[in-house]
Amino acid sequence: MAKNKKDAEVEETKAEEVTEEAAEETAEAKNEKDARIEALEKELAAQKEKYMRLAAEYDNYRKRTANEKLSIYDDATGKAVTELLPVADSVRMALENLKDADAEVYKGVSLIQTQLDRSFEKLKIESYGAVGDAFDPQLHNAISMVDSDELESGQIAAVFQTGYKIGDKIIRHAMVQVVN
């Protein structure tokens, strides 16, 4: 019996050692698992950040190319219209000089002027620079200065050449006379 008691104690000690070893192995496995999870979470965060940066770069690229396409259209339209501006100027001068002419001739030239204005409107071409407008050196090219009792200082007194723009892009500056 003594031997059985001793054997039981030895077996119990061995069982405790095995349990302690199993607990240590379980703790080590858990630590390894936690470390692995943490590493995977860091890798996931890095990949997510990389993906977000790529998505932002693509969005910026898409917006930039869309703006470039619009700019190219405006540039091409501006260049084409530049060739038509002398015709528009001639028609305007003809209307100014035909006031005493035959009514039918004046009406015909007036219709041509209307067609040009509609075409410019469809192309989003705006004319600017009228008598009485405030002088803006960004838009107007001052050719001369004049004194006037009717207009205030800094206003346009006469327009020698109408200015044109498409959006914010100037196609041709207006040539004007400014009041002192």
N, C-alpha and C. Protein backbone atom coordinates (compact mmCIF):
# COMPACT_ATOMS: atom_id res chain seq x y z
N MET A 1 0.76 -1.17 0.00
CA MET A 1 0.00 0.00 0.00
C MET A 1 0.83 1.27 0.00
N ALA A 2 1.89 1.16 0.70
CA ALA A 2 2.76 2.31 0.76
C ALA A 2 3.29 2.62 -0.63
N LYS A 3 3.54 1.52 -1.30
CA LYS A 3 4.02 1.72 -2.64
C LYS A 3 2.94 2.36 -3.49
N ASN A 4 1.71 1.98 -3.31
CA ASN A 4 0.60 2.55 -4.07
C ASN A 4 0.42 4.02 -3.76
N LYS A 5 0.64 4.35 -2.48
CA LYS A 5 0.51 5.73 -2.09
C LYS A 5 1.61 6.56 -2.74
N LYS A 6 2.80 5.98 -2.70
CA LYS A 6 3.92 6.66 -3.31
C LYS A 6 3.73 6.76 -4.80
N ASP A 7 3.26 5.72 -5.41
CA ASP A 7 3.00 5.74 -6.85
C ASP A 7 1.92 6.77 -7.18
N ALA A 8 0.93 6.85 -6.34
CA ALA A 8 -0.16 7.81 -6.56
C ALA A 8 0.38 9.23 -6.45
N GLU A 9 1.26 9.45 -5.45
CA GLU A 9 1.83 10.78 -5.29
C GLU A 9 2.72 11.13 -6.48
N VAL A 10 3.48 10.17 -6.96
CA VAL A 10 4.36 10.39 -8.11
C VAL A 10 3.50 10.68 -9.34
N GLU A 11 2.45 9.90 -9.49
CA GLU A 11 1.57 10.12 -10.63
C GLU A 11 0.89 11.47 -10.53
N GLU A 12 0.51 11.85 -9.30
CA GLU A 12 -0.13 13.15 -9.10
C GLU A 12 0.86 14.27 -9.41
N THR A 13 2.09 14.12 -9.00
CA THR A 13 3.12 15.13 -9.28
C THR A 13 3.35 15.22 -10.78
N LYS A 14 3.42 14.05 -11.43
CA LYS A 14 3.59 14.04 -12.89
C LYS A 14 2.41 14.70 -13.57
N ALA A 15 1.19 14.43 -13.06
CA ALA A 15 -0.01 15.02 -13.64
C ALA A 15 0.02 16.53 -13.47
N GLU A 16 0.49 17.00 -12.30
CA GLU A 16 0.59 18.45 -12.06
C GLU A 16 1.62 19.07 -12.99
N GLU A 17 2.75 18.36 -13.19
CA GLU A 17 3.78 18.86 -14.09
C GLU A 17 3.25 18.93 -15.52
N VAL A 18 2.53 17.90 -15.93
CA VAL A 18 1.94 17.86 -17.27
C VAL A 18 0.94 18.99 -17.41
N THR A 19 0.13 19.22 -16.37
CA THR A 19 -0.87 20.28 -16.41
C THR A 19 -0.19 21.64 -16.49
N GLU A 20 0.90 21.82 -15.70
CA GLU A 20 1.64 23.08 -15.74
C GLU A 20 2.27 23.29 -17.12
N GLU A 21 2.84 22.21 -17.67
CA GLU A 21 3.45 22.30 -19.00
C GLU A 21 2.38 22.63 -20.05
N ALA A 22 1.22 21.99 -19.92
CA ALA A 22 0.13 22.25 -20.85
C ALA A 22 -0.34 23.69 -20.72
N ALA A 23 -0.40 24.18 -19.49
CA ALA A 23 -0.81 25.57 -19.25
C ALA A 23 0.21 26.52 -19.85
N GLU A 24 1.52 26.20 -19.66
CA GLU A 24 2.57 27.04 -20.23
C GLU A 24 2.51 27.02 -21.74
N GLU A 25 2.31 25.81 -22.31
CA GLU A 25 2.20 25.70 -23.76
C GLU A 25 0.98 26.47 -24.27
N THR A 26 -0.14 26.40 -23.54
CA THR A 26 -1.34 27.12 -23.92
C THR A 26 -1.11 28.62 -23.86
N ALA A 27 -0.42 29.10 -22.82
CA ALA A 27 -0.11 30.53 -22.68
C ALA A 27 0.81 30.98 -23.80
N GLU A 28 1.83 30.14 -24.12
CA GLU A 28 2.74 30.47 -25.21
C GLU A 28 1.98 30.50 -26.53
N ALA A 29 1.14 29.51 -26.74
CA ALA A 29 0.35 29.47 -27.98
C ALA A 29 -0.55 30.69 -28.09
N LYS A 30 -1.14 31.07 -26.94
CA LYS A 30 -2.02 32.24 -26.93
C LYS A 30 -1.21 33.50 -27.24
N ASN A 31 -0.02 33.64 -26.64
CA ASN A 31 0.84 34.79 -26.91
C ASN A 31 1.24 34.85 -28.38
N GLU A 32 1.60 33.67 -28.93
CA GLU A 32 1.95 33.61 -30.35
C GLU A 32 0.76 33.99 -31.22
N LYS A 33 -0.39 33.48 -30.84
CA LYS A 33 -1.60 33.78 -31.59
C LYS A 33 -1.90 35.28 -31.52
N ASP A 34 -1.80 35.87 -30.33
CA ASP A 34 -2.03 37.31 -30.16
C ASP A 34 -1.03 38.12 -30.98
N ALA A 35 0.23 37.69 -30.96
CA ALA A 35 1.27 38.39 -31.71
C ALA A 35 0.98 38.30 -33.20
N ARG A 36 0.55 37.15 -33.64
CA ARG A 36 0.24 36.94 -35.06
C ARG A 36 -0.96 37.78 -35.47
N ILE A 37 -1.97 37.82 -34.62
CA ILE A 37 -3.16 38.63 -34.89
C ILE A 37 -2.77 40.11 -34.98
N GLU A 38 -1.93 40.56 -34.06
CA GLU A 38 -1.48 41.95 -34.06
C GLU A 38 -0.70 42.27 -35.34
N ALA A 39 0.16 41.34 -35.76
CA ALA A 39 0.93 41.55 -36.99
C ALA A 39 0.01 41.61 -38.20
N LEU A 40 -0.98 40.73 -38.23
CA LEU A 40 -1.93 40.72 -39.34
C LEU A 40 -2.78 41.99 -39.35
N GLU A 41 -3.15 42.48 -38.17
CA GLU A 41 -3.92 43.72 -38.10
C GLU A 41 -3.10 44.90 -38.61
N LYS A 42 -1.80 44.94 -38.26
CA LYS A 42 -0.92 45.99 -38.75
C LYS A 42 -0.80 45.92 -40.27
N GLU A 43 -0.64 44.70 -40.79
CA GLU A 43 -0.53 44.52 -42.23
C GLU A 43 -1.82 44.94 -42.93
N LEU A 44 -2.97 44.60 -42.32
CA LEU A 44 -4.26 45.00 -42.88
C LEU A 44 -4.39 46.52 -42.89
N ALA A 45 -3.99 47.17 -41.81
CA ALA A 45 -4.06 48.64 -41.74
C ALA A 45 -3.16 49.27 -42.81
N ALA A 46 -1.97 48.69 -43.00
CA ALA A 46 -1.05 49.22 -44.02
C ALA A 46 -1.64 49.04 -45.41
N GLN A 47 -2.23 47.89 -45.69
CA GLN A 47 -2.85 47.64 -46.99
C GLN A 47 -4.06 48.55 -47.21
N LYS A 48 -4.82 48.77 -46.14
CA LYS A 48 -6.00 49.65 -46.24
C LYS A 48 -5.55 51.08 -46.56
N GLU A 49 -4.51 51.55 -45.88
CA GLU A 49 -3.99 52.89 -46.14
C GLU A 49 -3.48 53.00 -47.58
N LYS A 50 -2.78 51.97 -48.03
CA LYS A 50 -2.26 51.95 -49.39
C LYS A 50 -3.42 52.01 -50.40
N TYR A 51 -4.47 51.26 -50.13
CA TYR A 51 -5.65 51.26 -51.00
C TYR A 51 -6.32 52.63 -51.02
N MET A 52 -6.46 53.26 -49.85
CA MET A 52 -7.10 54.57 -49.77
C MET A 52 -6.29 55.62 -50.53
N ARG A 53 -4.97 55.56 -50.42
CA ARG A 53 -4.11 56.49 -51.16
C ARG A 53 -4.27 56.28 -52.67
N LEU A 54 -4.30 55.05 -53.08
CA LEU A 54 -4.47 54.74 -54.50
C LEU A 54 -5.82 55.23 -55.00
N ALA A 55 -6.85 55.03 -54.22
CA ALA A 55 -8.19 55.50 -54.60
C ALA A 55 -8.21 57.03 -54.70
N ALA A 56 -7.56 57.71 -53.77
CA ALA A 56 -7.51 59.18 -53.80
C ALA A 56 -6.72 59.67 -55.01
N GLU A 57 -5.60 59.00 -55.31
CA GLU A 57 -4.81 59.38 -56.49
C GLU A 57 -5.61 59.18 -57.76
N TYR A 58 -6.35 58.10 -57.87
CA TYR A 58 -7.18 57.86 -59.04
C TYR A 58 -8.26 58.91 -59.17
N ASP A 59 -8.90 59.26 -58.06
CA ASP A 59 -9.94 60.28 -58.09
C ASP A 59 -9.37 61.63 -58.54
N ASN A 60 -8.20 61.99 -58.04
CA ASN A 60 -7.54 63.23 -58.46
C ASN A 60 -7.19 63.18 -59.95
N TYR A 61 -6.70 62.04 -60.41
CA TYR A 61 -6.38 61.87 -61.83
C TYR A 61 -7.62 62.04 -62.69
N ARG A 62 -8.71 61.43 -62.27
CA ARG A 62 -9.97 61.51 -63.02
C ARG A 62 -10.45 62.96 -63.11
N LYS A 63 -10.41 63.67 -61.99
CA LYS A 63 -10.84 65.07 -61.98
C LYS A 63 -9.93 65.94 -62.84
N ARG A 64 -8.62 65.69 -62.73
CA ARG A 64 -7.66 66.49 -63.49
C ARG A 64 -7.85 66.28 -65.00
N THR A 65 -8.05 65.03 -65.42
CA THR A 65 -8.24 64.78 -66.85
C THR A 65 -9.56 65.36 -67.34
N ALA A 66 -10.59 65.35 -66.51
CA ALA A 66 -11.86 65.96 -66.90
C ALA A 66 -11.69 67.46 -67.09
N ASN A 67 -10.95 68.10 -66.17
CA ASN A 67 -10.69 69.54 -66.30
C ASN A 67 -9.84 69.83 -67.53
N GLU A 68 -8.88 68.97 -67.82
CA GLU A 68 -8.04 69.16 -69.00
C GLU A 68 -8.86 69.04 -70.27
N LYS A 69 -9.81 68.11 -70.30
CA LYS A 69 -10.66 67.96 -71.47
C LYS A 69 -11.49 69.23 -71.70
N LEU A 70 -12.05 69.77 -70.61
CA LEU A 70 -12.81 71.01 -70.75
C LEU A 70 -11.91 72.15 -71.20
N SER A 71 -10.71 72.20 -70.67
CA SER A 71 -9.77 73.25 -71.04
C SER A 71 -9.38 73.13 -72.51
N ILE A 72 -9.16 71.92 -72.97
CA ILE A 72 -8.82 71.71 -74.37
C ILE A 72 -9.96 72.17 -75.26
N TYR A 73 -11.19 71.86 -74.87
CA TYR A 73 -12.35 72.31 -75.65
C TYR A 73 -12.41 73.82 -75.69
N ASP A 74 -12.23 74.47 -74.53
CA ASP A 74 -12.26 75.93 -74.47
C ASP A 74 -11.14 76.54 -75.31
N ASP A 75 -9.96 75.93 -75.26
CA ASP A 75 -8.83 76.45 -76.04
C ASP A 75 -9.10 76.33 -77.55
N ALA A 76 -9.61 75.16 -77.95
CA ALA A 76 -9.90 74.96 -79.38
C ALA A 76 -11.00 75.90 -79.84
N THR A 77 -12.04 76.05 -79.03
CA THR A 77 -13.13 76.97 -79.39
C THR A 77 -12.60 78.39 -79.46
N GLY A 78 -11.77 78.77 -78.50
CA GLY A 78 -11.20 80.11 -78.50
C GLY A 78 -10.37 80.39 -79.74
N LYS A 79 -9.57 79.41 -80.15
CA LYS A 79 -8.74 79.59 -81.35
C LYS A 79 -9.61 79.71 -82.61
N ALA A 80 -10.65 78.91 -82.69
CA ALA A 80 -11.54 78.98 -83.85
C ALA A 80 -12.28 80.32 -83.89
N VAL A 81 -12.75 80.76 -82.74
CA VAL A 81 -13.50 82.01 -82.67
C VAL A 81 -12.59 83.20 -82.97
N THR A 82 -11.33 83.10 -82.60
CA THR A 82 -10.38 84.19 -82.88
C THR A 82 -10.36 84.51 -84.37
N GLU A 83 -10.50 83.49 -85.19
CA GLU A 83 -10.53 83.70 -86.64
C GLU A 83 -11.82 84.37 -87.10
N LEU A 84 -12.88 84.22 -86.33
CA LEU A 84 -14.17 84.81 -86.71
C LEU A 84 -14.38 86.22 -86.15
N LEU A 85 -13.57 86.62 -85.18
CA LEU A 85 -13.77 87.93 -84.55
C LEU A 85 -13.63 89.10 -85.52
N PRO A 86 -12.70 89.08 -86.47
CA PRO A 86 -12.67 90.20 -87.43
C PRO A 86 -13.97 90.31 -88.23
N VAL A 87 -14.59 89.18 -88.53
CA VAL A 87 -15.88 89.20 -89.23
C VAL A 87 -16.94 89.84 -88.35
N ALA A 88 -16.98 89.46 -87.07
CA ALA A 88 -17.94 90.05 -86.14
C ALA A 88 -17.71 91.55 -86.01
N ASP A 89 -16.44 91.96 -85.95
CA ASP A 89 -16.13 93.40 -85.87
C ASP A 89 -16.61 94.13 -87.12
N SER A 90 -16.38 93.52 -88.28
CA SER A 90 -16.79 94.15 -89.54
C SER A 90 -18.31 94.29 -89.61
N VAL A 91 -19.02 93.28 -89.18
CA VAL A 91 -20.49 93.34 -89.19
C VAL A 91 -20.97 94.42 -88.24
N ARG A 92 -20.36 94.53 -87.08
CA ARG A 92 -20.74 95.57 -86.12
C ARG A 92 -20.49 96.97 -86.70
N MET A 93 -19.33 97.15 -87.33
CA MET A 93 -19.02 98.45 -87.93
C MET A 93 -19.97 98.75 -89.09
N ALA A 94 -20.32 97.71 -89.84
CA ALA A 94 -21.27 97.91 -90.95
C ALA A 94 -22.61 98.37 -90.41
N LEU A 95 -23.07 97.78 -89.32
CA LEU A 95 -24.35 98.19 -88.72
C LEU A 95 -24.29 99.65 -88.26
N GLU A 96 -23.17 100.05 -87.68
CA GLU A 96 -23.02 101.42 -87.21
C GLU A 96 -23.02 102.41 -88.38
N ASN A 97 -22.45 102.01 -89.50
CA ASN A 97 -22.33 102.91 -90.65
C ASN A 97 -23.52 102.84 -91.60
N LEU A 98 -24.39 101.84 -91.45
CA LEU A 98 -25.53 101.68 -92.35
C LEU A 98 -26.83 102.25 -91.79
N LYS A 99 -26.76 103.09 -90.79
CA LYS A 99 -27.99 103.62 -90.19
C LYS A 99 -28.77 104.48 -91.17
N ASP A 100 -28.09 105.14 -92.08
CA ASP A 100 -28.77 105.99 -93.07
C ASP A 100 -29.04 105.25 -94.38
N ALA A 101 -28.63 103.99 -94.47
CA ALA A 101 -28.77 103.22 -95.72
C ALA A 101 -30.20 102.67 -95.85
N ASP A 102 -30.42 101.95 -96.93
CA ASP A 102 -31.70 101.32 -97.22
C ASP A 102 -32.08 100.39 -96.06
N ALA A 103 -33.33 100.37 -95.68
CA ALA A 103 -33.83 99.58 -94.55
C ALA A 103 -33.59 98.09 -94.75
N GLU A 104 -33.74 97.62 -96.00
CA GLU A 104 -33.55 96.19 -96.29
C GLU A 104 -32.09 95.78 -96.11
N VAL A 105 -31.18 96.63 -96.52
CA VAL A 105 -29.76 96.35 -96.36
C VAL A 105 -29.42 96.31 -94.86
N TYR A 106 -29.90 97.28 -94.12
CA TYR A 106 -29.66 97.34 -92.69
C TYR A 106 -30.23 96.10 -92.01
N LYS A 107 -31.43 95.69 -92.42
CA LYS A 107 -32.07 94.51 -91.84
C LYS A 107 -31.24 93.25 -92.12
N GLY A 108 -30.71 93.12 -93.33
CA GLY A 108 -29.90 91.96 -93.70
C GLY A 108 -28.64 91.87 -92.86
N VAL A 109 -27.95 92.99 -92.72
CA VAL A 109 -26.73 92.99 -91.92
C VAL A 109 -27.06 92.74 -90.45
N SER A 110 -28.19 93.27 -90.00
CA SER A 110 -28.64 93.04 -88.63
C SER A 110 -28.91 91.56 -88.38
N LEU A 111 -29.49 90.88 -89.36
CA LEU A 111 -29.73 89.43 -89.23
C LEU A 111 -28.41 88.65 -89.14
N ILE A 112 -27.42 89.09 -89.92
CA ILE A 112 -26.10 88.44 -89.85
C ILE A 112 -25.52 88.63 -88.45
N GLN A 113 -25.65 89.83 -87.90
CA GLN A 113 -25.17 90.12 -86.54
C GLN A 113 -25.87 89.21 -85.53
N THR A 114 -27.17 89.03 -85.68
CA THR A 114 -27.94 88.18 -84.77
C THR A 114 -27.46 86.73 -84.86
N GLN A 115 -27.20 86.26 -86.08
CA GLN A 115 -26.71 84.89 -86.25
C GLN A 115 -25.34 84.70 -85.59
N LEU A 116 -24.47 85.68 -85.76
CA LEU A 116 -23.15 85.59 -85.11
C LEU A 116 -23.31 85.56 -83.60
N ASP A 117 -24.16 86.41 -83.06
CA ASP A 117 -24.37 86.45 -81.61
C ASP A 117 -24.92 85.12 -81.10
N ARG A 118 -25.85 84.53 -81.82
CA ARG A 118 -26.41 83.23 -81.42
C ARG A 118 -25.34 82.14 -81.47
N SER A 119 -24.52 82.18 -82.51
CA SER A 119 -23.45 81.18 -82.63
C SER A 119 -22.48 81.31 -81.47
N PHE A 120 -22.12 82.54 -81.13
CA PHE A 120 -21.22 82.75 -80.00
C PHE A 120 -21.87 82.29 -78.70
N GLU A 121 -23.16 82.52 -78.57
CA GLU A 121 -23.88 82.10 -77.37
C GLU A 121 -23.87 80.58 -77.23
N LYS A 122 -24.08 79.87 -78.34
CA LYS A 122 -24.05 78.41 -78.31
C LYS A 122 -22.68 77.88 -77.93
N LEU A 123 -21.65 78.60 -78.34
CA LEU A 123 -20.28 78.20 -78.02
C LEU A 123 -19.83 78.73 -76.66
N LYS A 124 -20.75 79.38 -75.95
CA LYS A 124 -20.49 79.96 -74.62
C LYS A 124 -19.44 81.06 -74.67
N ILE A 125 -19.43 81.80 -75.77
CA ILE A 125 -18.54 82.94 -75.94
C ILE A 125 -19.31 84.18 -75.49
N GLU A 126 -18.72 84.93 -74.57
CA GLU A 126 -19.36 86.14 -74.06
C GLU A 126 -18.59 87.35 -74.55
N SER A 127 -19.33 88.39 -74.97
CA SER A 127 -18.68 89.65 -75.31
C SER A 127 -18.76 90.55 -74.09
N TYR A 128 -17.80 91.44 -73.97
CA TYR A 128 -17.80 92.37 -72.85
C TYR A 128 -17.12 93.66 -73.27
N GLY A 129 -17.30 94.68 -72.46
CA GLY A 129 -16.69 95.98 -72.73
C GLY A 129 -17.72 96.90 -73.36
N ALA A 130 -18.54 97.52 -72.54
CA ALA A 130 -19.54 98.46 -73.05
C ALA A 130 -19.31 99.82 -72.39
N VAL A 131 -19.79 100.85 -73.04
CA VAL A 131 -19.67 102.20 -72.50
C VAL A 131 -20.39 102.26 -71.16
N GLY A 132 -19.72 102.81 -70.16
CA GLY A 132 -20.29 102.92 -68.82
C GLY A 132 -19.85 101.83 -67.87
N ASP A 133 -19.28 100.75 -68.38
CA ASP A 133 -18.76 99.68 -67.52
C ASP A 133 -17.53 100.19 -66.78
N ALA A 134 -17.25 99.58 -65.64
CA ALA A 134 -16.04 99.93 -64.89
C ALA A 134 -14.83 99.33 -65.59
N PHE A 135 -13.76 100.10 -65.64
CA PHE A 135 -12.52 99.64 -66.27
C PHE A 135 -11.86 98.59 -65.39
N ASP A 136 -11.49 97.45 -65.99
CA ASP A 136 -10.79 96.38 -65.30
C ASP A 136 -9.56 96.03 -66.13
N PRO A 137 -8.36 96.29 -65.62
CA PRO A 137 -7.15 96.02 -66.41
C PRO A 137 -6.96 94.55 -66.77
N GLN A 138 -7.65 93.66 -66.06
CA GLN A 138 -7.57 92.24 -66.39
C GLN A 138 -8.36 91.92 -67.66
N LEU A 139 -9.39 92.73 -67.93
CA LEU A 139 -10.27 92.47 -69.07
C LEU A 139 -10.09 93.47 -70.21
N HIS A 140 -9.74 94.70 -69.85
CA HIS A 140 -9.72 95.78 -70.83
C HIS A 140 -8.30 96.25 -71.12
N ASN A 141 -8.10 96.71 -72.34
CA ASN A 141 -6.84 97.30 -72.74
C ASN A 141 -7.12 98.78 -72.99
N ALA A 142 -6.65 99.67 -72.08
CA ALA A 142 -6.92 101.10 -72.20
C ALA A 142 -6.00 101.69 -73.27
N ILE A 143 -6.61 102.28 -74.28
CA ILE A 143 -5.85 102.88 -75.37
C ILE A 143 -5.61 104.36 -75.09
N SER A 144 -6.61 105.01 -74.51
CA SER A 144 -6.47 106.44 -74.21
C SER A 144 -7.35 106.81 -73.02
N MET A 145 -7.11 108.03 -72.53
CA MET A 145 -7.89 108.57 -71.41
C MET A 145 -8.61 109.82 -71.93
N VAL A 146 -9.77 110.11 -71.35
CA VAL A 146 -10.54 111.27 -71.76
C VAL A 146 -11.27 111.85 -70.54
N ASP A 147 -11.53 113.15 -70.57
CA ASP A 147 -12.32 113.79 -69.52
C ASP A 147 -13.78 113.74 -69.94
N SER A 148 -14.68 113.51 -68.97
CA SER A 148 -16.10 113.44 -69.29
C SER A 148 -16.91 113.93 -68.11
N ASP A 149 -17.97 114.71 -68.43
CA ASP A 149 -18.89 115.17 -67.40
C ASP A 149 -20.00 114.14 -67.17
N GLU A 150 -20.25 113.32 -68.16
CA GLU A 150 -21.35 112.35 -68.10
C GLU A 150 -20.98 111.08 -67.33
N LEU A 151 -19.71 110.66 -67.41
CA LEU A 151 -19.28 109.40 -66.80
C LEU A 151 -18.32 109.67 -65.64
N GLU A 152 -18.28 108.73 -64.72
CA GLU A 152 -17.39 108.85 -63.56
C GLU A 152 -15.99 108.38 -63.93
N SER A 153 -15.04 108.74 -63.09
CA SER A 153 -13.65 108.33 -63.29
C SER A 153 -13.55 106.80 -63.20
N GLY A 154 -12.79 106.22 -64.13
CA GLY A 154 -12.60 104.78 -64.13
C GLY A 154 -13.64 104.03 -64.95
N GLN A 155 -14.56 104.74 -65.58
CA GLN A 155 -15.54 104.08 -66.44
C GLN A 155 -15.09 104.13 -67.89
N ILE A 156 -15.66 103.25 -68.68
CA ILE A 156 -15.31 103.18 -70.09
C ILE A 156 -16.11 104.24 -70.84
N ALA A 157 -15.40 105.10 -71.61
CA ALA A 157 -16.05 106.18 -72.36
C ALA A 157 -16.35 105.74 -73.79
N ALA A 158 -15.48 104.92 -74.39
CA ALA A 158 -15.69 104.45 -75.76
C ALA A 158 -15.07 103.06 -75.91
N VAL A 159 -15.66 102.27 -76.77
CA VAL A 159 -15.15 100.92 -77.04
C VAL A 159 -14.69 100.89 -78.49
N PHE A 160 -13.40 100.63 -78.70
CA PHE A 160 -12.85 100.55 -80.05
C PHE A 160 -12.89 99.13 -80.59
N GLN A 161 -12.79 98.16 -79.68
CA GLN A 161 -12.86 96.75 -80.08
C GLN A 161 -13.46 95.97 -78.91
N THR A 162 -14.52 95.24 -79.18
CA THR A 162 -15.21 94.47 -78.15
C THR A 162 -14.32 93.31 -77.69
N GLY A 163 -14.38 93.03 -76.40
CA GLY A 163 -13.63 91.91 -75.85
C GLY A 163 -14.49 90.66 -75.82
N TYR A 164 -13.84 89.50 -75.86
CA TYR A 164 -14.55 88.22 -75.84
C TYR A 164 -13.85 87.27 -74.88
N LYS A 165 -14.65 86.45 -74.21
CA LYS A 165 -14.10 85.45 -73.30
C LYS A 165 -14.98 84.20 -73.34
N ILE A 166 -14.38 83.08 -72.97
CA ILE A 166 -15.10 81.83 -72.82
C ILE A 166 -14.83 81.36 -71.39
N GLY A 167 -15.88 81.38 -70.58
CA GLY A 167 -15.70 81.09 -69.16
C GLY A 167 -14.85 82.18 -68.54
N ASP A 168 -13.75 81.80 -67.91
CA ASP A 168 -12.82 82.77 -67.32
C ASP A 168 -11.65 83.07 -68.25
N LYS A 169 -11.57 82.39 -69.38
CA LYS A 169 -10.45 82.54 -70.31
C LYS A 169 -10.74 83.68 -71.29
N ILE A 170 -9.82 84.63 -71.34
CA ILE A 170 -9.95 85.76 -72.25
C ILE A 170 -9.51 85.33 -73.64
N ILE A 171 -10.39 85.54 -74.62
CA ILE A 171 -10.04 85.26 -76.01
C ILE A 171 -9.39 86.50 -76.63
N ARG A 172 -10.03 87.66 -76.36
CA ARG A 172 -9.48 88.93 -76.83
C ARG A 172 -9.87 90.02 -75.84
N HIS A 173 -8.90 90.83 -75.43
CA HIS A 173 -9.16 91.93 -74.53
C HIS A 173 -9.91 93.04 -75.27
N ALA A 174 -10.75 93.74 -74.56
CA ALA A 174 -11.48 94.87 -75.14
C ALA A 174 -10.55 96.07 -75.18
N MET A 175 -10.53 96.77 -76.31
CA MET A 175 -9.76 98.01 -76.43
C MET A 175 -10.71 99.17 -76.17
N VAL A 176 -10.40 99.95 -75.12
CA VAL A 176 -11.34 100.97 -74.67
C VAL A 176 -10.65 102.31 -74.38
N GLN A 177 -11.50 103.33 -74.27
CA GLN A 177 -11.07 104.64 -73.83
C GLN A 177 -11.66 104.83 -72.45
N VAL A 178 -10.83 105.28 -71.49
CA VAL A 178 -11.24 105.36 -70.09
C VAL A 178 -11.36 106.82 -69.66
N VAL A 179 -12.32 107.09 -68.78
CA VAL A 179 -12.51 108.42 -68.25
C VAL A 179 -11.48 108.67 -67.14
N ASN A 180 -10.87 109.88 -67.18
CA ASN A 180 -9.92 110.28 -66.12
C ASN A 180 -10.62 110.41 -64.80
